[in-house]
Amino acid sequence: QIATRGYEYARDTQTWQCRAKQLALEIMA
């Protein structure tokens, strides 16, 4: 159950693709 909740937390927000978008849309902008 912890593994499932961890996955649900991370899957859409804690990937490197997400970091690229944060860098482009929040910091660079």
PDB file of all heavy atoms in Angstrom:
ATOM      1  N   GLN A   1       0.823  -1.205   0.000  1.00  0.00           N
ATOM      2  CA  GLN A   1       0.000   0.000   0.000  1.00  0.00           C
ATOM      3  C   GLN A   1       0.863   1.263   0.000  1.00  0.00           C
ATOM      4  O   GLN A   1       0.542   2.248  -0.685  1.00  0.00           O
ATOM      5  CB  GLN A   1      -0.930  -0.018   1.207  1.00  0.00           C
ATOM      6  CG  GLN A   1      -2.021  -1.079   1.123  1.00  0.00           C
ATOM      7  CD  GLN A   1      -2.810  -1.204   2.414  1.00  0.00           C
ATOM      8  OE1 GLN A   1      -2.569  -0.494   3.382  1.00  0.00           O
ATOM      9  NE2 GLN A   1      -3.763  -2.122   2.430  1.00  0.00           N
ATOM     10  N   ILE A   2       1.968   1.239   0.763  1.00  0.00           N
ATOM     11  CA  ILE A   2       2.880   2.390   0.769  1.00  0.00           C
ATOM     12  C   ILE A   2       3.495   2.566  -0.616  1.00  0.00           C
ATOM     13  O   ILE A   2       3.609   3.690  -1.127  1.00  0.00           O
ATOM     14  CB  ILE A   2       3.976   2.214   1.840  1.00  0.00           C
ATOM     15  CG1 ILE A   2       3.353   2.188   3.234  1.00  0.00           C
ATOM     16  CG2 ILE A   2       5.016   3.334   1.740  1.00  0.00           C
ATOM     17  CD1 ILE A   2       4.331   1.845   4.341  1.00  0.00           C
ATOM     18  N   ALA A   3       3.901   1.451  -1.235  1.00  0.00           N
ATOM     19  CA  ALA A   3       4.483   1.516  -2.576  1.00  0.00           C
ATOM     20  C   ALA A   3       3.496   2.128  -3.568  1.00  0.00           C
ATOM     21  O   ALA A   3       3.874   2.941  -4.422  1.00  0.00           O
ATOM     22  CB  ALA A   3       4.899   0.123  -3.028  1.00  0.00           C
ATOM     23  N   THR A   4       2.227   1.750  -3.453  1.00  0.00           N
ATOM     24  CA  THR A   4       1.204   2.274  -4.359  1.00  0.00           C
ATOM     25  C   THR A   4       0.995   3.769  -4.146  1.00  0.00           C
ATOM     26  O   THR A   4       0.902   4.545  -5.109  1.00  0.00           O
ATOM     27  CB  THR A   4      -0.122   1.517  -4.147  1.00  0.00           C
ATOM     28  OG1 THR A   4       0.090   0.125  -4.426  1.00  0.00           O
ATOM     29  CG2 THR A   4      -1.210   2.056  -5.053  1.00  0.00           C
ATOM     30  N   ARG A   5       0.928   4.186  -2.886  1.00  0.00           N
ATOM     31  CA  ARG A   5       0.744   5.623  -2.606  1.00  0.00           C
ATOM     32  C   ARG A   5       1.970   6.429  -3.062  1.00  0.00           C
ATOM     33  O   ARG A   5       1.828   7.549  -3.570  1.00  0.00           O
ATOM     34  CB  ARG A   5       0.477   5.837  -1.117  1.00  0.00           C
ATOM     35  CG  ARG A   5      -0.910   5.398  -0.663  1.00  0.00           C
ATOM     36  CD  ARG A   5      -1.223   5.889   0.726  1.00  0.00           C
ATOM     37  NE  ARG A   5      -0.387   5.272   1.742  1.00  0.00           N
ATOM     38  CZ  ARG A   5      -0.715   4.174   2.429  1.00  0.00           C
ATOM     39  NH1 ARG A   5      -1.879   3.579   2.213  1.00  0.00           N
ATOM     40  NH2 ARG A   5       0.099   3.682   3.348  1.00  0.00           N
ATOM     41  N   GLY A   6       3.151   5.861  -2.882  1.00  0.00           N
ATOM     42  CA  GLY A   6       4.353   6.546  -3.348  1.00  0.00           C
ATOM     43  C   GLY A   6       4.343   6.724  -4.852  1.00  0.00           C
ATOM     44  O   GLY A   6       4.697   7.796  -5.370  1.00  0.00           O
ATOM     45  N   TYR A   7       3.925   5.687  -5.562  1.00  0.00           N
ATOM     46  CA  TYR A   7       3.842   5.774  -7.027  1.00  0.00           C
ATOM     47  C   TYR A   7       2.842   6.831  -7.457  1.00  0.00           C
ATOM     48  O   TYR A   7       3.110   7.644  -8.352  1.00  0.00           O
ATOM     49  CB  TYR A   7       3.456   4.411  -7.594  1.00  0.00           C
ATOM     50  CG  TYR A   7       3.200   4.433  -9.083  1.00  0.00           C
ATOM     51  CD1 TYR A   7       4.244   4.588  -9.987  1.00  0.00           C
ATOM     52  CD2 TYR A   7       1.895   4.330  -9.572  1.00  0.00           C
ATOM     53  CE1 TYR A   7       4.003   4.633 -11.359  1.00  0.00           C
ATOM     54  CE2 TYR A   7       1.644   4.365 -10.936  1.00  0.00           C
ATOM     55  CZ  TYR A   7       2.694   4.526 -11.821  1.00  0.00           C
ATOM     56  OH  TYR A   7       2.461   4.579 -13.167  1.00  0.00           O
ATOM     57  N   GLU A   8       1.681   6.837  -6.813  1.00  0.00           N
ATOM     58  CA  GLU A   8       0.653   7.816  -7.167  1.00  0.00           C
ATOM     59  C   GLU A   8       1.128   9.237  -6.898  1.00  0.00           C
ATOM     60  O   GLU A   8       0.784  10.170  -7.635  1.00  0.00           O
ATOM     61  CB  GLU A   8      -0.631   7.513  -6.389  1.00  0.00           C
ATOM     62  CG  GLU A   8      -1.313   6.222  -6.848  1.00  0.00           C
ATOM     63  CD  GLU A   8      -2.462   5.799  -5.946  1.00  0.00           C
ATOM     64  OE1 GLU A   8      -2.595   6.390  -4.841  1.00  0.00           O
ATOM     65  OE2 GLU A   8      -3.207   4.878  -6.314  1.00  0.00           O
ATOM     66  N   TYR A   9       1.933   9.407  -5.863  1.00  0.00           N
ATOM     67  CA  TYR A   9       2.473  10.732  -5.556  1.00  0.00           C
ATOM     68  C   TYR A   9       3.474  11.181  -6.618  1.00  0.00           C
ATOM     69  O   TYR A   9       3.467  12.338  -7.053  1.00  0.00           O
ATOM     70  CB  TYR A   9       3.152  10.715  -4.182  1.00  0.00           C
ATOM     71  CG  TYR A   9       3.954  11.969  -3.895  1.00  0.00           C
ATOM     72  CD1 TYR A   9       3.329  13.110  -3.407  1.00  0.00           C
ATOM     73  CD2 TYR A   9       5.325  12.012  -4.127  1.00  0.00           C
ATOM     74  CE1 TYR A   9       4.046  14.275  -3.162  1.00  0.00           C
ATOM     75  CE2 TYR A   9       6.058  13.172  -3.883  1.00  0.00           C
ATOM     76  CZ  TYR A   9       5.415  14.294  -3.398  1.00  0.00           C
ATOM     77  OH  TYR A   9       6.134  15.445  -3.168  1.00  0.00           O
ATOM     78  N   ALA A  10       4.343  10.266  -7.041  1.00  0.00           N
ATOM     79  CA  ALA A  10       5.497  10.654  -7.863  1.00  0.00           C
ATOM     80  C   ALA A  10       5.256  10.617  -9.356  1.00  0.00           C
ATOM     81  O   ALA A  10       5.947  11.311 -10.109  1.00  0.00           O
ATOM     82  CB  ALA A  10       6.687   9.744  -7.527  1.00  0.00           C
ATOM     83  N   ARG A  11       4.297   9.844  -9.835  1.00  0.00           N
ATOM     84  CA  ARG A  11       4.233   9.516 -11.264  1.00  0.00           C
ATOM     85  C   ARG A  11       4.069  10.731 -12.174  1.00  0.00           C
ATOM     86  O   ARG A  11       4.598  10.747 -13.293  1.00  0.00           O
ATOM     87  CB  ARG A  11       3.097   8.518 -11.517  1.00  0.00           C
ATOM     88  CG  ARG A  11       1.708   9.061 -11.218  1.00  0.00           C
ATOM     89  CD  ARG A  11       0.638   7.994 -11.378  1.00  0.00           C
ATOM     90  NE  ARG A  11      -0.662   8.520 -10.956  1.00  0.00           N
ATOM     91  CZ  ARG A  11      -1.738   7.746 -10.831  1.00  0.00           C
ATOM     92  NH1 ARG A  11      -1.654   6.441 -11.096  1.00  0.00           N
ATOM     93  NH2 ARG A  11      -2.873   8.281 -10.434  1.00  0.00           N
ATOM     94  N   ASP A  12       3.349  11.758 -11.711  1.00  0.00           N
ATOM     95  CA  ASP A  12       3.070  12.900 -12.577  1.00  0.00           C
ATOM     96  C   ASP A  12       3.877  14.140 -12.228  1.00  0.00           C
ATOM     97  O   ASP A  12       3.809  15.141 -12.953  1.00  0.00           O
ATOM     98  CB  ASP A  12       1.575  13.250 -12.519  1.00  0.00           C
ATOM     99  CG  ASP A  12       0.695  12.131 -13.049  1.00  0.00           C
ATOM    100  OD1 ASP A  12       1.114  11.467 -14.017  1.00  0.00           O
ATOM    101  OD2 ASP A  12      -0.384  11.914 -12.479  1.00  0.00           O
ATOM    102  N   THR A  13       4.637  14.102 -11.130  1.00  0.00           N
ATOM    103  CA  THR A  13       5.293  15.331 -10.673  1.00  0.00           C
ATOM    104  C   THR A  13       6.781  15.193 -10.375  1.00  0.00           C
ATOM    105  O   THR A  13       7.463  16.208 -10.250  1.00  0.00           O
ATOM    106  CB  THR A  13       4.609  15.851  -9.393  1.00  0.00           C
ATOM    107  OG1 THR A  13       4.685  14.841  -8.365  1.00  0.00           O
ATOM    108  CG2 THR A  13       3.151  16.210  -9.653  1.00  0.00           C
ATOM    109  N   GLN A  14       7.298  13.966 -10.252  1.00  0.00           N
ATOM    110  CA  GLN A  14       8.669  13.815  -9.765  1.00  0.00           C
ATOM    111  C   GLN A  14       9.577  13.107 -10.778  1.00  0.00           C
ATOM    112  O   GLN A  14      10.518  12.417 -10.399  1.00  0.00           O
ATOM    113  CB  GLN A  14       8.675  13.048  -8.428  1.00  0.00           C
ATOM    114  CG  GLN A  14       7.760  13.629  -7.369  1.00  0.00           C
ATOM    115  CD  GLN A  14       8.040  15.090  -7.047  1.00  0.00           C
ATOM    116  OE1 GLN A  14       9.160  15.574  -7.216  1.00  0.00           O
ATOM    117  NE2 GLN A  14       7.030  15.817  -6.588  1.00  0.00           N
ATOM    118  N   THR A  15       9.298  13.279 -12.058  1.00  0.00           N
ATOM    119  CA  THR A  15      10.158  12.730 -13.109  1.00  0.00           C
ATOM    120  C   THR A  15      11.093  13.822 -13.624  1.00  0.00           C
ATOM    121  O   THR A  15      10.871  15.019 -13.403  1.00  0.00           O
ATOM    122  CB  THR A  15       9.322  12.202 -14.285  1.00  0.00           C
ATOM    123  OG1 THR A  15       8.672  13.321 -14.923  1.00  0.00           O
ATOM    124  CG2 THR A  15       8.288  11.190 -13.813  1.00  0.00           C
ATOM    125  N   TRP A  16      12.121  13.419 -14.369  1.00  0.00           N
ATOM    126  CA  TRP A  16      13.036  14.396 -14.958  1.00  0.00           C
ATOM    127  C   TRP A  16      12.359  15.197 -16.062  1.00  0.00           C
ATOM    128  O   TRP A  16      12.696  16.359 -16.299  1.00  0.00           O
ATOM    129  CB  TRP A  16      14.293  13.688 -15.480  1.00  0.00           C
ATOM    130  CG  TRP A  16      15.218  13.340 -14.360  1.00  0.00           C
ATOM    131  CD1 TRP A  16      15.465  12.112 -13.845  1.00  0.00           C
ATOM    132  CD2 TRP A  16      16.013  14.259 -13.592  1.00  0.00           C
ATOM    133  NE1 TRP A  16      16.353  12.196 -12.793  1.00  0.00           N
ATOM    134  CE2 TRP A  16      16.708  13.500 -12.627  1.00  0.00           C
ATOM    135  CE3 TRP A  16      16.191  15.637 -13.625  1.00  0.00           C
ATOM    136  CZ2 TRP A  16      17.578  14.088 -11.707  1.00  0.00           C
ATOM    137  CZ3 TRP A  16      17.054  16.220 -12.713  1.00  0.00           C
ATOM    138  CH2 TRP A  16      17.733  15.452 -11.764  1.00  0.00           C
ATOM    139  N   GLN A  17      11.393  14.578 -16.738  1.00  0.00           N
ATOM    140  CA  GLN A  17      10.635  15.327 -17.738  1.00  0.00           C
ATOM    141  C   GLN A  17       9.873  16.465 -17.064  1.00  0.00           C
ATOM    142  O   GLN A  17       9.778  17.576 -17.602  1.00  0.00           O
ATOM    143  CB  GLN A  17       9.676  14.386 -18.471  1.00  0.00           C
ATOM    144  CG  GLN A  17      10.354  13.374 -19.375  1.00  0.00           C
ATOM    145  CD  GLN A  17      10.902  12.159 -18.617  1.00  0.00           C
ATOM    146  OE1 GLN A  17      10.696  12.014 -17.413  1.00  0.00           O
ATOM    147  NE2 GLN A  17      11.598  11.294 -19.325  1.00  0.00           N
ATOM    148  N   CYS A  18       9.347  16.189 -15.866  1.00  0.00           N
ATOM    149  CA  CYS A  18       8.664  17.224 -15.099  1.00  0.00           C
ATOM    150  C   CYS A  18       9.635  18.328 -14.699  1.00  0.00           C
ATOM    151  O   CYS A  18       9.292  19.523 -14.763  1.00  0.00           O
ATOM    152  CB  CYS A  18       8.018  16.611 -13.863  1.00  0.00           C
ATOM    153  SG  CYS A  18       7.234  17.812 -12.761  1.00  0.00           S
ATOM    154  N   ARG A  19      10.861  17.961 -14.314  1.00  0.00           N
ATOM    155  CA  ARG A  19      11.847  18.976 -13.927  1.00  0.00           C
ATOM    156  C   ARG A  19      12.198  19.880 -15.121  1.00  0.00           C
ATOM    157  O   ARG A  19      12.395  21.083 -14.958  1.00  0.00           O
ATOM    158  CB  ARG A  19      13.107  18.310 -13.391  1.00  0.00           C
ATOM    159  CG  ARG A  19      12.937  17.578 -12.080  1.00  0.00           C
ATOM    160  CD  ARG A  19      12.635  18.524 -10.920  1.00  0.00           C
ATOM    161  NE  ARG A  19      12.478  17.744  -9.697  1.00  0.00           N
ATOM    162  CZ  ARG A  19      11.309  17.324  -9.217  1.00  0.00           C
ATOM    163  NH1 ARG A  19      10.174  17.643  -9.846  1.00  0.00           N
ATOM    164  NH2 ARG A  19      11.248  16.602  -8.122  1.00  0.00           N
ATOM    165  N   ALA A  20      12.288  19.299 -16.312  1.00  0.00           N
ATOM    166  CA  ALA A  20      12.569  20.110 -17.500  1.00  0.00           C
ATOM    167  C   ALA A  20      11.467  21.143 -17.694  1.00  0.00           C
ATOM    168  O   ALA A  20      11.734  22.312 -17.993  1.00  0.00           O
ATOM    169  CB  ALA A  20      12.688  19.215 -18.734  1.00  0.00           C
ATOM    170  N   LYS A  21      10.233  20.720 -17.497  1.00  0.00           N
ATOM    171  CA  LYS A  21       9.111  21.648 -17.669  1.00  0.00           C
ATOM    172  C   LYS A  21       9.107  22.716 -16.582  1.00  0.00           C
ATOM    173  O   LYS A  21       8.806  23.886 -16.840  1.00  0.00           O
ATOM    174  CB  LYS A  21       7.802  20.852 -17.695  1.00  0.00           C
ATOM    175  CG  LYS A  21       7.694  19.951 -18.928  1.00  0.00           C
ATOM    176  CD  LYS A  21       6.597  18.918 -18.819  1.00  0.00           C
ATOM    177  CE  LYS A  21       6.678  17.937 -19.998  1.00  0.00           C
ATOM    178  NZ  LYS A  21       5.704  16.839 -19.889  1.00  0.00           N
ATOM    179  N   GLN A  22       9.461  22.322 -15.348  1.00  0.00           N
ATOM    180  CA  GLN A  22       9.567  23.316 -14.276  1.00  0.00           C
ATOM    181  C   GLN A  22      10.643  24.351 -14.614  1.00  0.00           C
ATOM    182  O   GLN A  22      10.443  25.562 -14.422  1.00  0.00           O
ATOM    183  CB  GLN A  22       9.927  22.625 -12.959  1.00  0.00           C
ATOM    184  CG  GLN A  22       8.802  21.872 -12.295  1.00  0.00           C
ATOM    185  CD  GLN A  22       9.267  21.204 -11.011  1.00  0.00           C
ATOM    186  OE1 GLN A  22       9.644  20.038 -11.001  1.00  0.00           O
ATOM    187  NE2 GLN A  22       9.257  21.954  -9.934  1.00  0.00           N
ATOM    188  N   LEU A  23      11.782  23.869 -15.099  1.00  0.00           N
ATOM    189  CA  LEU A  23      12.871  24.773 -15.451  1.00  0.00           C
ATOM    190  C   LEU A  23      12.441  25.735 -16.557  1.00  0.00           C
ATOM    191  O   LEU A  23      12.671  26.951 -16.469  1.00  0.00           O
ATOM    192  CB  LEU A  23      14.101  23.968 -15.885  1.00  0.00           C
ATOM    193  CG  LEU A  23      15.320  24.760 -16.370  1.00  0.00           C
ATOM    194  CD1 LEU A  23      15.764  25.789 -15.338  1.00  0.00           C
ATOM    195  CD2 LEU A  23      16.471  23.806 -16.706  1.00  0.00           C
ATOM    196  N   ALA A  24      11.791  25.202 -17.584  1.00  0.00           N
ATOM    197  CA  ALA A  24      11.403  26.030 -18.725  1.00  0.00           C
ATOM    198  C   ALA A  24      10.285  26.995 -18.390  1.00  0.00           C
ATOM    199  O   ALA A  24      10.339  28.182 -18.728  1.00  0.00           O
ATOM    200  CB  ALA A  24      10.997  25.135 -19.897  1.00  0.00           C
ATOM    201  N   LEU A  25       9.245  26.484 -17.725  1.00  0.00           N
ATOM    202  CA  LEU A  25       8.022  27.263 -17.571  1.00  0.00           C
ATOM    203  C   LEU A  25       7.981  28.112 -16.308  1.00  0.00           C
ATOM    204  O   LEU A  25       7.194  29.062 -16.220  1.00  0.00           O
ATOM    205  CB  LEU A  25       6.812  26.316 -17.598  1.00  0.00           C
ATOM    206  CG  LEU A  25       6.704  25.437 -18.852  1.00  0.00           C
ATOM    207  CD1 LEU A  25       5.513  24.500 -18.761  1.00  0.00           C
ATOM    208  CD2 LEU A  25       6.621  26.303 -20.105  1.00  0.00           C
ATOM    209  N   GLU A  26       8.798  27.761 -15.317  1.00  0.00           N
ATOM    210  CA  GLU A  26       8.797  28.517 -14.065  1.00  0.00           C
ATOM    211  C   GLU A  26      10.054  29.352 -13.878  1.00  0.00           C
ATOM    212  O   GLU A  26       9.986  30.542 -13.581  1.00  0.00           O
ATOM    213  CB  GLU A  26       8.624  27.569 -12.876  1.00  0.00           C
ATOM    214  CG  GLU A  26       7.308  26.786 -12.886  1.00  0.00           C
ATOM    215  CD  GLU A  26       7.214  25.760 -11.771  1.00  0.00           C
ATOM    216  OE1 GLU A  26       7.993  25.856 -10.802  1.00  0.00           O
ATOM    217  OE2 GLU A  26       6.374  24.847 -11.892  1.00  0.00           O
ATOM    218  N   ILE A  27      11.229  28.736 -14.103  1.00  0.00           N
ATOM    219  CA  ILE A  27      12.474  29.438 -13.831  1.00  0.00           C
ATOM    220  C   ILE A  27      12.921  30.265 -15.014  1.00  0.00           C
ATOM    221  O   ILE A  27      13.148  31.471 -14.919  1.00  0.00           O
ATOM    222  CB  ILE A  27      13.571  28.438 -13.402  1.00  0.00           C
ATOM    223  CG1 ILE A  27      13.148  27.763 -12.085  1.00  0.00           C
ATOM    224  CG2 ILE A  27      14.928  29.139 -13.258  1.00  0.00           C
ATOM    225  CD1 ILE A  27      14.097  26.677 -11.612  1.00  0.00           C
ATOM    226  N   MET A  28      13.033  29.630 -16.197  1.00  0.00           N
ATOM    227  CA  MET A  28      13.462  30.372 -17.391  1.00  0.00           C
ATOM    228  C   MET A  28      12.476  31.492 -17.714  1.00  0.00           C
ATOM    229  O   MET A  28      12.873  32.599 -18.084  1.00  0.00           O
ATOM    230  CB  MET A  28      13.574  29.425 -18.589  1.00  0.00           C
ATOM    231  CG  MET A  28      14.740  28.475 -18.527  1.00  0.00           C
ATOM    232  SD  MET A  28      14.776  27.420 -20.015  1.00  0.00           S
ATOM    233  CE  MET A  28      16.279  26.486 -19.713  1.00  0.00           C
ATOM    234  N   ALA A  29      11.206  31.209 -17.553  1.00  0.00           N
ATOM    235  CA  ALA A  29      10.180  32.194 -17.909  1.00  0.00           C
ATOM    236  C   ALA A  29      10.232  33.413 -16.990  1.00  0.00           C
ATOM    237  O   ALA A  29       9.787  34.496 -17.372  1.00  0.00           O
ATOM    238  CB  ALA A  29       8.806  31.551 -17.863  1.00  0.00           C
TER     239      ALA A  29
END
